[in-house]
Amino acid sequence: MPEQRPLAVIDVDGVVADVRHRLRFLRAWPGDWDAFFAAASADPPLAEGVTLVHQLARDHEVVWLTGRPERSRTATSRWLGEQGLPLGELRMRPDDDRRPARLFKRAELRQLGACRQVAVVVDDDPAVVDLLRADGWPVLRAEWLAYEATLGNAQESEGRT
């Protein structure tokens, strides 16, 4: 049996995808999540994140772990491919899952880590990073795009991404 490469678990929004142009849909309450996710195909890539993923892909298997809902799988896969990013496993939030992103991602990492070595997790959300670090995961915080409280508040209160 061939040796498996360690996993690099990478978030999408705020790591490789610039979501700033869509935050306007979340500034009112309740947020317009359908419009927010529909606009994701127009996200500009974040050069720092794209470069990091290419570096990690040299000796890691890339797994995408995003709070985006399952219904946006096709658009997300297409966007990743258009950016020339590795099309590894894509783990997405079930459409009816309203847990905060940190709890969704914690559960997914526990599943991944039960049978594979997770070498690094890359995420931009401070709440996700803090919880995963406290759990002992090797986390790198993506800080090349200022984290917007709009998104964090929406994730915590509405549990959508």
Protein backbone atom coordinates (compact mmCIF):
# COMPACT_ATOMS: atom_id res chain seq x y z
CA MET A 1 0.00 0.00 0.00
CA PRO A 2 1.52 3.39 -0.99
CA GLU A 3 2.33 5.86 1.75
CA GLN A 4 -0.23 8.66 2.06
CA ARG A 5 0.90 12.25 2.02
CA PRO A 6 -0.10 14.37 5.04
CA LEU A 7 -3.13 16.61 4.66
CA ALA A 8 -3.17 20.37 4.22
CA VAL A 9 -6.70 21.45 5.14
CA ILE A 10 -7.49 24.80 3.55
CA ASP A 11 -10.43 27.18 3.92
CA VAL A 12 -11.67 28.97 0.78
CA ASP A 13 -13.21 32.35 1.72
CA GLY A 14 -10.62 34.77 3.05
CA VAL A 15 -7.76 32.36 2.29
CA VAL A 16 -7.78 31.95 -1.51
CA ALA A 17 -11.00 33.86 -2.34
CA ASP A 18 -11.49 37.57 -1.69
CA VAL A 19 -15.05 37.93 -0.35
CA ARG A 20 -15.01 41.66 0.33
CA HIS A 21 -17.22 42.51 -2.66
CA ARG A 22 -19.99 40.26 -1.29
CA LEU A 23 -20.02 41.37 2.34
CA ARG A 24 -22.62 44.01 1.48
CA PHE A 25 -25.19 41.19 1.42
CA LEU A 26 -24.52 40.45 5.11
CA ARG A 27 -24.48 43.96 6.53
CA ALA A 28 -28.26 44.02 7.11
CA TRP A 29 -30.02 41.53 9.36
CA PRO A 30 -30.91 38.95 8.37
CA GLY A 31 -28.17 38.58 5.80
CA ASP A 32 -29.03 37.73 2.21
CA TRP A 33 -27.13 34.45 2.14
CA ASP A 34 -28.43 33.41 -1.27
CA ALA A 35 -27.03 36.59 -2.84
CA PHE A 36 -23.81 36.27 -0.84
CA PHE A 37 -23.10 32.78 -2.17
CA ALA A 38 -24.40 33.52 -5.67
CA ALA A 39 -21.76 36.24 -6.01
CA ALA A 40 -18.90 33.89 -5.07
CA SER A 41 -18.07 33.06 -8.68
CA ALA A 42 -16.86 36.67 -9.07
CA ASP A 43 -14.40 36.46 -6.15
CA PRO A 44 -10.93 37.67 -7.05
CA PRO A 45 -8.21 35.22 -6.00
CA LEU A 46 -5.94 36.14 -3.10
CA ALA A 47 -2.39 35.79 -4.43
CA GLU A 48 -0.85 34.99 -1.03
CA GLY A 49 -3.30 32.15 -0.41
CA VAL A 50 -3.00 30.75 -3.93
CA THR A 51 0.80 30.74 -3.65
CA LEU A 52 0.67 29.04 -0.25
CA VAL A 53 -1.67 26.31 -1.52
CA HIS A 54 0.63 25.59 -4.48
CA GLN A 55 3.58 25.34 -2.09
CA LEU A 56 1.70 23.01 0.25
CA ALA A 57 0.44 20.85 -2.63
CA ARG A 58 4.04 19.86 -3.46
CA ASP A 59 4.18 17.50 -0.49
CA HIS A 60 0.67 17.48 0.99
CA GLU A 61 -2.71 16.29 -0.18
CA VAL A 62 -4.99 19.34 -0.26
CA VAL A 63 -8.42 19.08 1.34
CA TRP A 64 -10.70 22.11 1.07
CA LEU A 65 -12.78 22.71 4.22
CA THR A 66 -15.26 25.51 3.73
CA GLY A 67 -18.31 26.81 5.50
CA ARG A 68 -19.95 27.35 2.11
CA PRO A 69 -23.16 25.35 1.77
CA GLU A 70 -23.32 22.13 -0.21
CA ARG A 71 -25.60 23.78 -2.78
CA SER A 72 -22.64 25.88 -3.92
CA ARG A 73 -20.40 22.86 -4.64
CA THR A 74 -20.46 23.17 -8.43
CA ALA A 75 -19.66 26.90 -8.42
CA THR A 76 -16.94 26.44 -5.79
CA SER A 77 -15.27 23.57 -7.68
CA ARG A 78 -15.42 25.57 -10.89
CA TRP A 79 -13.89 28.64 -9.21
CA LEU A 80 -11.04 26.59 -7.68
CA GLY A 81 -10.30 25.08 -11.10
CA GLU A 82 -10.39 28.46 -12.83
CA GLN A 83 -7.74 29.68 -10.39
CA GLY A 84 -5.52 26.68 -11.18
CA LEU A 85 -5.83 25.39 -7.61
CA PRO A 86 -5.61 21.67 -6.77
CA LEU A 87 -9.00 19.99 -6.98
CA GLY A 88 -8.63 17.89 -3.86
CA GLU A 89 -11.46 16.71 -1.65
CA LEU A 90 -14.01 19.47 -1.04
CA ARG A 91 -15.78 19.33 2.33
CA MET A 92 -18.75 21.68 2.55
CA ARG A 93 -21.37 22.48 5.13
CA PRO A 94 -24.66 20.60 4.65
CA ASP A 95 -27.34 23.02 3.46
CA ASP A 96 -29.35 22.71 6.69
CA ASP A 97 -26.37 22.98 9.08
CA ARG A 98 -26.52 26.20 11.11
CA ARG A 99 -23.65 25.57 13.53
CA PRO A 100 -21.02 28.28 13.79
CA ALA A 101 -18.13 27.68 11.36
CA ARG A 102 -15.77 26.83 14.21
CA LEU A 103 -17.96 23.93 15.38
CA PHE A 104 -18.61 22.62 11.87
CA LYS A 105 -14.90 22.70 11.03
CA ARG A 106 -13.92 21.10 14.34
CA ALA A 107 -16.20 18.14 13.62
CA GLU A 108 -14.87 17.77 10.08
CA LEU A 109 -11.26 17.88 11.26
CA ARG A 110 -11.94 15.21 13.86
CA GLN A 111 -13.24 12.95 11.08
CA LEU A 112 -10.25 13.66 8.85
CA GLY A 113 -7.73 13.30 11.66
CA ALA A 114 -9.15 9.95 12.76
CA CYS A 115 -7.65 8.23 9.73
CA ARG A 116 -5.11 10.66 8.26
CA GLN A 117 -2.32 12.93 9.43
CA VAL A 118 -3.40 16.59 9.33
CA ALA A 119 -0.14 18.50 8.92
CA VAL A 120 -1.60 22.01 8.66
CA VAL A 121 -4.93 23.81 8.71
CA VAL A 122 -5.17 27.24 7.05
CA ASP A 123 -8.10 29.50 7.99
CA ASP A 124 -8.74 33.23 8.29
CA ASP A 125 -11.46 33.22 10.95
CA PRO A 126 -10.01 34.04 14.40
CA ALA A 127 -12.75 32.03 16.17
CA VAL A 128 -11.99 28.96 14.03
CA VAL A 129 -8.24 29.38 14.49
CA ASP A 130 -8.50 29.80 18.27
CA LEU A 131 -10.74 26.76 18.75
CA LEU A 132 -8.70 24.49 16.48
CA ARG A 133 -5.43 25.56 18.10
CA ALA A 134 -6.94 24.89 21.54
CA ASP A 135 -7.83 21.40 20.28
CA GLY A 136 -4.19 20.88 19.29
CA TRP A 137 -4.43 21.18 15.50
CA PRO A 138 -1.49 22.78 13.63
CA VAL A 139 -3.17 25.96 12.41
CA LEU A 140 -1.84 28.77 10.24
CA ARG A 141 -3.96 31.91 10.32
CA ALA A 142 -4.37 33.55 6.91
CA GLU A 143 -3.78 37.21 7.67
CA TRP A 144 -3.20 38.58 4.17
CA LEU A 145 -6.76 39.94 4.08
CA ALA A 146 -8.08 41.89 7.06
CA TYR A 147 -10.78 39.80 8.72
CA GLU A 148 -14.15 41.55 8.58
CA ALA A 149 -16.32 41.44 11.68
CA THR A 150 -19.38 41.43 9.37
CA LEU A 151 -18.63 37.90 8.28
CA GLY A 152 -17.65 36.70 11.74
CA ASN A 153 -20.81 38.08 13.32
CA ALA A 154 -22.98 36.51 10.62
CA GLN A 155 -21.25 33.15 11.04
CA GLU A 156 -21.74 33.14 14.77
CA SER A 157 -25.32 34.45 14.87
CA GLU A 158 -26.75 32.87 11.72
CA GLY A 159 -24.39 29.92 11.33
CA ARG A 160 -24.31 30.07 7.57
CA THR A 161 -20.68 30.09 6.54
